[in-house]
Amino acid sequence: MEDFLSVNQMYIVLVIVLLIWGGIVSYLFRLDKRIKDIEKAMQPKADEPLAQKKG
């Protein structure tokens, strides 16, 4: 096992870095989806009348 690690150090680091980047990318996609859902929920619907000010 020790020989495998010493010979393939570059590939092991590459795999770890790619896993970290994959996690960051997946987190950003999930965050974007949540933000879009929140924005969609906050927009007034077309069939609802706008609230009128009392005055």
PDB file of N, CA and C in Angstrom:
ATOM      1  N   MET A   1       0.826  -1.197   0.000  1.00  0.00           N
ATOM      2  CA  MET A   1       0.000   0.000   0.000  1.00  0.00           C
ATOM      3  C   MET A   1       0.867   1.257   0.000  1.00  0.00           C
ATOM      4  N   GLU A   2       1.950   1.194   0.734  1.00  0.00           N
ATOM      5  CA  GLU A   2       2.843   2.346   0.826  1.00  0.00           C
ATOM      6  C   GLU A   2       3.490   2.643  -0.520  1.00  0.00           C
ATOM      7  N   ASP A   3       3.834   1.602  -1.268  1.00  0.00           N
ATOM      8  CA  ASP A   3       4.419   1.797  -2.599  1.00  0.00           C
ATOM      9  C   ASP A   3       3.407   2.445  -3.542  1.00  0.00           C
ATOM     10  N   PHE A   4       2.154   2.008  -3.457  1.00  0.00           N
ATOM     11  CA  PHE A   4       1.109   2.574  -4.308  1.00  0.00           C
ATOM     12  C   PHE A   4       0.953   4.063  -4.046  1.00  0.00           C
ATOM     13  N   LEU A   5       0.959   4.447  -2.775  1.00  0.00           N
ATOM     14  CA  LEU A   5       0.784   5.862  -2.439  1.00  0.00           C
ATOM     15  C   LEU A   5       1.975   6.697  -2.869  1.00  0.00           C
ATOM     16  N   SER A   6       3.169   6.174  -2.737  1.00  0.00           N
ATOM     17  CA  SER A   6       4.352   6.959  -3.101  1.00  0.00           C
ATOM     18  C   SER A   6       4.490   7.107  -4.615  1.00  0.00           C
ATOM     19  N   VAL A   7       4.047   6.116  -5.380  1.00  0.00           N
ATOM     20  CA  VAL A   7       4.155   6.176  -6.831  1.00  0.00           C
ATOM     21  C   VAL A   7       3.056   7.047  -7.430  1.00  0.00           C
ATOM     22  N   ASN A   8       1.866   7.054  -6.852  1.00  0.00           N
ATOM     23  CA  ASN A   8       0.702   7.723  -7.439  1.00  0.00           C
ATOM     24  C   ASN A   8       0.253   8.960  -6.662  1.00  0.00           C
ATOM     25  N   GLN A   9       1.190   9.691  -6.101  1.00  0.00           N
ATOM     26  CA  GLN A   9       0.840  10.868  -5.298  1.00  0.00           C
ATOM     27  C   GLN A   9       0.091  11.909  -6.116  1.00  0.00           C
ATOM     28  N   MET A  10       0.529  12.150  -7.323  1.00  0.00           N
ATOM     29  CA  MET A  10      -0.089  13.176  -8.158  1.00  0.00           C
ATOM     30  C   MET A  10      -1.551  12.824  -8.459  1.00  0.00           C
ATOM     31  N   TYR A  11      -1.817  11.579  -8.742  1.00  0.00           N
ATOM     32  CA  TYR A  11      -3.181  11.166  -9.072  1.00  0.00           C
ATOM     33  C   TYR A  11      -4.095  11.215  -7.846  1.00  0.00           C
ATOM     34  N   ILE A  12      -3.542  10.904  -6.702  1.00  0.00           N
ATOM     35  CA  ILE A  12      -4.337  10.969  -5.470  1.00  0.00           C
ATOM     36  C   ILE A  12      -4.723  12.411  -5.173  1.00  0.00           C
ATOM     37  N   VAL A  13      -3.788  13.329  -5.317  1.00  0.00           N
ATOM     38  CA  VAL A  13      -4.082  14.751  -5.102  1.00  0.00           C
ATOM     39  C   VAL A  13      -5.088  15.234  -6.132  1.00  0.00           C
ATOM     40  N   LEU A  14      -4.941  14.794  -7.375  1.00  0.00           N
ATOM     41  CA  LEU A  14      -5.866  15.173  -8.425  1.00  0.00           C
ATOM     42  C   LEU A  14      -7.288  14.719  -8.110  1.00  0.00           C
ATOM     43  N   VAL A  15      -7.442  13.493  -7.645  1.00  0.00           N
ATOM     44  CA  VAL A  15      -8.764  12.975  -7.294  1.00  0.00           C
ATOM     45  C   VAL A  15      -9.369  13.767  -6.142  1.00  0.00           C
ATOM     46  N   ILE A  16      -8.566  14.085  -5.140  1.00  0.00           N
ATOM     47  CA  ILE A  16      -9.074  14.848  -3.993  1.00  0.00           C
ATOM     48  C   ILE A  16      -9.513  16.246  -4.424  1.00  0.00           C
ATOM     49  N   VAL A  17      -8.721  16.908  -5.262  1.00  0.00           N
ATOM     50  CA  VAL A  17      -9.067  18.250  -5.733  1.00  0.00           C
ATOM     51  C   VAL A  17     -10.339  18.208  -6.582  1.00  0.00           C
ATOM     52  N   LEU A  18     -10.461  17.190  -7.440  1.00  0.00           N
ATOM     53  CA  LEU A  18     -11.667  17.073  -8.263  1.00  0.00           C
ATOM     54  C   LEU A  18     -12.898  16.807  -7.408  1.00  0.00           C
ATOM     55  N   LEU A  19     -12.762  16.034  -6.352  1.00  0.00           N
ATOM     56  CA  LEU A  19     -13.893  15.809  -5.445  1.00  0.00           C
ATOM     57  C   LEU A  19     -14.316  17.100  -4.748  1.00  0.00           C
ATOM     58  N   ILE A  20     -13.345  17.888  -4.333  1.00  0.00           N
ATOM     59  CA  ILE A  20     -13.655  19.167  -3.686  1.00  0.00           C
ATOM     60  C   ILE A  20     -14.369  20.101  -4.666  1.00  0.00           C
ATOM     61  N   TRP A  21     -13.856  20.219  -5.902  1.00  0.00           N
ATOM     62  CA  TRP A  21     -14.499  21.072  -6.907  1.00  0.00           C
ATOM     63  C   TRP A  21     -15.883  20.561  -7.255  1.00  0.00           C
ATOM     64  N   GLY A  22     -16.044  19.246  -7.336  1.00  0.00           N
ATOM     65  CA  GLY A  22     -17.370  18.686  -7.599  1.00  0.00           C
ATOM     66  C   GLY A  22     -18.353  19.037  -6.495  1.00  0.00           C
ATOM     67  N   GLY A  23     -17.904  19.004  -5.252  1.00  0.00           N
ATOM     68  CA  GLY A  23     -18.759  19.387  -4.138  1.00  0.00           C
ATOM     69  C   GLY A  23     -19.146  20.853  -4.182  1.00  0.00           C
ATOM     70  N   ILE A  24     -18.201  21.698  -4.534  1.00  0.00           N
ATOM     71  CA  ILE A  24     -18.489  23.131  -4.628  1.00  0.00           C
ATOM     72  C   ILE A  24     -19.500  23.404  -5.736  1.00  0.00           C
ATOM     73  N   VAL A  25     -19.307  22.773  -6.888  1.00  0.00           N
ATOM     74  CA  VAL A  25     -20.214  22.978  -8.013  1.00  0.00           C
ATOM     75  C   VAL A  25     -21.616  22.483  -7.677  1.00  0.00           C
ATOM     76  N   SER A  26     -21.724  21.305  -7.061  1.00  0.00           N
ATOM     77  CA  SER A  26     -23.051  20.789  -6.716  1.00  0.00           C
ATOM     78  C   SER A  26     -23.726  21.675  -5.669  1.00  0.00           C
ATOM     79  N   TYR A  27     -22.963  22.214  -4.720  1.00  0.00           N
ATOM     80  CA  TYR A  27     -23.525  23.129  -3.729  1.00  0.00           C
ATOM     81  C   TYR A  27     -24.064  24.393  -4.401  1.00  0.00           C
ATOM     82  N   LEU A  28     -23.320  24.934  -5.366  1.00  0.00           N
ATOM     83  CA  LEU A  28     -23.761  26.147  -6.041  1.00  0.00           C
ATOM     84  C   LEU A  28     -25.019  25.899  -6.870  1.00  0.00           C
ATOM     85  N   PHE A  29     -25.135  24.730  -7.518  1.00  0.00           N
ATOM     86  CA  PHE A  29     -26.343  24.419  -8.272  1.00  0.00           C
ATOM     87  C   PHE A  29     -27.550  24.298  -7.343  1.00  0.00           C
ATOM     88  N   ARG A  30     -27.373  23.641  -6.184  1.00  0.00           N
ATOM     89  CA  ARG A  30     -28.490  23.524  -5.238  1.00  0.00           C
ATOM     90  C   ARG A  30     -28.883  24.891  -4.695  1.00  0.00           C
ATOM     91  N   LEU A  31     -27.900  25.727  -4.401  1.00  0.00           N
ATOM     92  CA  LEU A  31     -28.179  27.068  -3.894  1.00  0.00           C
ATOM     93  C   LEU A  31     -28.919  27.898  -4.932  1.00  0.00           C
ATOM     94  N   ASP A  32     -28.518  27.800  -6.197  1.00  0.00           N
ATOM     95  CA  ASP A  32     -29.188  28.518  -7.274  1.00  0.00           C
ATOM     96  C   ASP A  32     -30.637  28.065  -7.403  1.00  0.00           C
ATOM     97  N   LYS A  33     -30.883  26.776  -7.295  1.00  0.00           N
ATOM     98  CA  LYS A  33     -32.249  26.259  -7.385  1.00  0.00           C
ATOM     99  C   LYS A  33     -33.106  26.775  -6.231  1.00  0.00           C
ATOM    100  N   ARG A  34     -32.547  26.801  -5.037  1.00  0.00           N
ATOM    101  CA  ARG A  34     -33.301  27.326  -3.889  1.00  0.00           C
ATOM    102  C   ARG A  34     -33.630  28.804  -4.067  1.00  0.00           C
ATOM    103  N   ILE A  35     -32.663  29.571  -4.561  1.00  0.00           N
ATOM    104  CA  ILE A  35     -32.891  31.003  -4.760  1.00  0.00           C
ATOM    105  C   ILE A  35     -33.969  31.228  -5.811  1.00  0.00           C
ATOM    106  N   LYS A  36     -33.947  30.446  -6.898  1.00  0.00           N
ATOM    107  CA  LYS A  36     -34.979  30.578  -7.927  1.00  0.00           C
ATOM    108  C   LYS A  36     -36.357  30.241  -7.362  1.00  0.00           C
ATOM    109  N   ASP A  37     -36.437  29.208  -6.514  1.00  0.00           N
ATOM    110  CA  ASP A  37     -37.719  28.858  -5.899  1.00  0.00           C
ATOM    111  C   ASP A  37     -38.228  29.977  -5.002  1.00  0.00           C
ATOM    112  N   ILE A  38     -37.342  30.600  -4.247  1.00  0.00           N
ATOM    113  CA  ILE A  38     -37.734  31.699  -3.364  1.00  0.00           C
ATOM    114  C   ILE A  38     -38.183  32.903  -4.189  1.00  0.00           C
ATOM    115  N   GLU A  39     -37.440  33.225  -5.260  1.00  0.00           N
ATOM    116  CA  GLU A  39     -37.831  34.339  -6.121  1.00  0.00           C
ATOM    117  C   GLU A  39     -39.189  34.089  -6.761  1.00  0.00           C
ATOM    118  N   LYS A  40     -39.430  32.870  -7.176  1.00  0.00           N
ATOM    119  CA  LYS A  40     -40.707  32.527  -7.792  1.00  0.00           C
ATOM    120  C   LYS A  40     -41.843  32.657  -6.785  1.00  0.00           C
ATOM    121  N   ALA A  41     -41.607  32.278  -5.540  1.00  0.00           N
ATOM    122  CA  ALA A  41     -42.633  32.365  -4.507  1.00  0.00           C
ATOM    123  C   ALA A  41     -42.925  33.812  -4.130  1.00  0.00           C
ATOM    124  N   MET A  42     -41.954  34.698  -4.265  1.00  0.00           N
ATOM    125  CA  MET A  42     -42.143  36.091  -3.879  1.00  0.00           C
ATOM    126  C   MET A  42     -42.824  36.917  -4.960  1.00  0.00           C
ATOM    127  N   GLN A  43     -42.804  36.487  -6.211  1.00  0.00           N
ATOM    128  CA  GLN A  43     -43.434  37.252  -7.286  1.00  0.00           C
ATOM    129  C   GLN A  43     -44.949  37.161  -7.172  1.00  0.00           C
ATOM    130  N   PRO A  44     -45.632  38.291  -7.387  1.00  0.00           N
ATOM    131  CA  PRO A  44     -47.103  38.229  -7.343  1.00  0.00           C
ATOM    132  C   PRO A  44     -47.630  37.444  -8.538  1.00  0.00           C
ATOM    133  N   LYS A  45     -48.685  36.709  -8.302  1.00  0.00           N
ATOM    134  CA  LYS A  45     -49.290  35.929  -9.381  1.00  0.00           C
ATOM    135  C   LYS A  45     -50.085  36.851 -10.292  1.00  0.00           C
ATOM    136  N   ALA A  46     -50.227  36.477 -11.550  1.00  0.00           N
ATOM    137  CA  ALA A  46     -50.875  37.327 -12.546  1.00  0.00           C
ATOM    138  C   ALA A  46     -52.376  37.452 -12.295  1.00  0.00           C
ATOM    139  N   ASP A  47     -53.005  36.417 -11.733  1.00  0.00           N
ATOM    140  CA  ASP A  47     -54.452  36.457 -11.544  1.00  0.00           C
ATOM    141  C   ASP A  47     -54.874  37.126 -10.237  1.00  0.00           C
ATOM    142  N   GLU A  48     -53.922  37.469  -9.376  1.00  0.00           N
ATOM    143  CA  GLU A  48     -54.252  38.143  -8.120  1.00  0.00           C
ATOM    144  C   GLU A  48     -54.210  39.658  -8.334  1.00  0.00           C
ATOM    145  N   PRO A  49     -55.199  40.381  -7.819  1.00  0.00           N
ATOM    146  CA  PRO A  49     -55.151  41.849  -7.943  1.00  0.00           C
ATOM    147  C   PRO A  49     -54.064  42.422  -7.018  1.00  0.00           C
ATOM    148  N   LEU A  50     -53.496  43.522  -7.441  1.00  0.00           N
ATOM    149  CA  LEU A  50     -52.491  44.167  -6.605  1.00  0.00           C
ATOM    150  C   LEU A  50     -53.147  44.779  -5.378  1.00  0.00           C
ATOM    151  N   ALA A  51     -52.447  44.767  -4.286  1.00  0.00           N
ATOM    152  CA  ALA A  51     -52.973  45.328  -3.041  1.00  0.00           C
ATOM    153  C   ALA A  51     -53.115  46.854  -3.205  1.00  0.00           C
ATOM    154  N   GLN A  52     -54.268  47.381  -2.822  1.00  0.00           N
ATOM    155  CA  GLN A  52     -54.497  48.810  -2.938  1.00  0.00           C
ATOM    156  C   GLN A  52     -54.194  49.471  -1.602  1.00  0.00           C
ATOM    157  N   LYS A  53     -53.623  50.650  -1.681  1.00  0.00           N
ATOM    158  CA  LYS A  53     -53.301  51.376  -0.471  1.00  0.00           C
ATOM    159  C   LYS A  53     -54.548  52.011   0.105  1.00  0.00           C
ATOM    160  N   LYS A  54     -54.666  51.901   1.410  1.00  0.00           N
ATOM    161  CA  LYS A  54     -55.783  52.563   2.095  1.00  0.00           C
ATOM    162  C   LYS A  54     -55.300  53.941   2.527  1.00  0.00           C
ATOM    163  N   GLY A  55     -56.137  54.926   2.342  1.00  0.00           N
ATOM    164  CA  GLY A  55     -55.647  56.229   2.699  1.00  0.00           C
ATOM    165  C   GLY A  55     -56.660  57.251   2.869  1.00  0.00           C
TER     166      GLY A  55
END
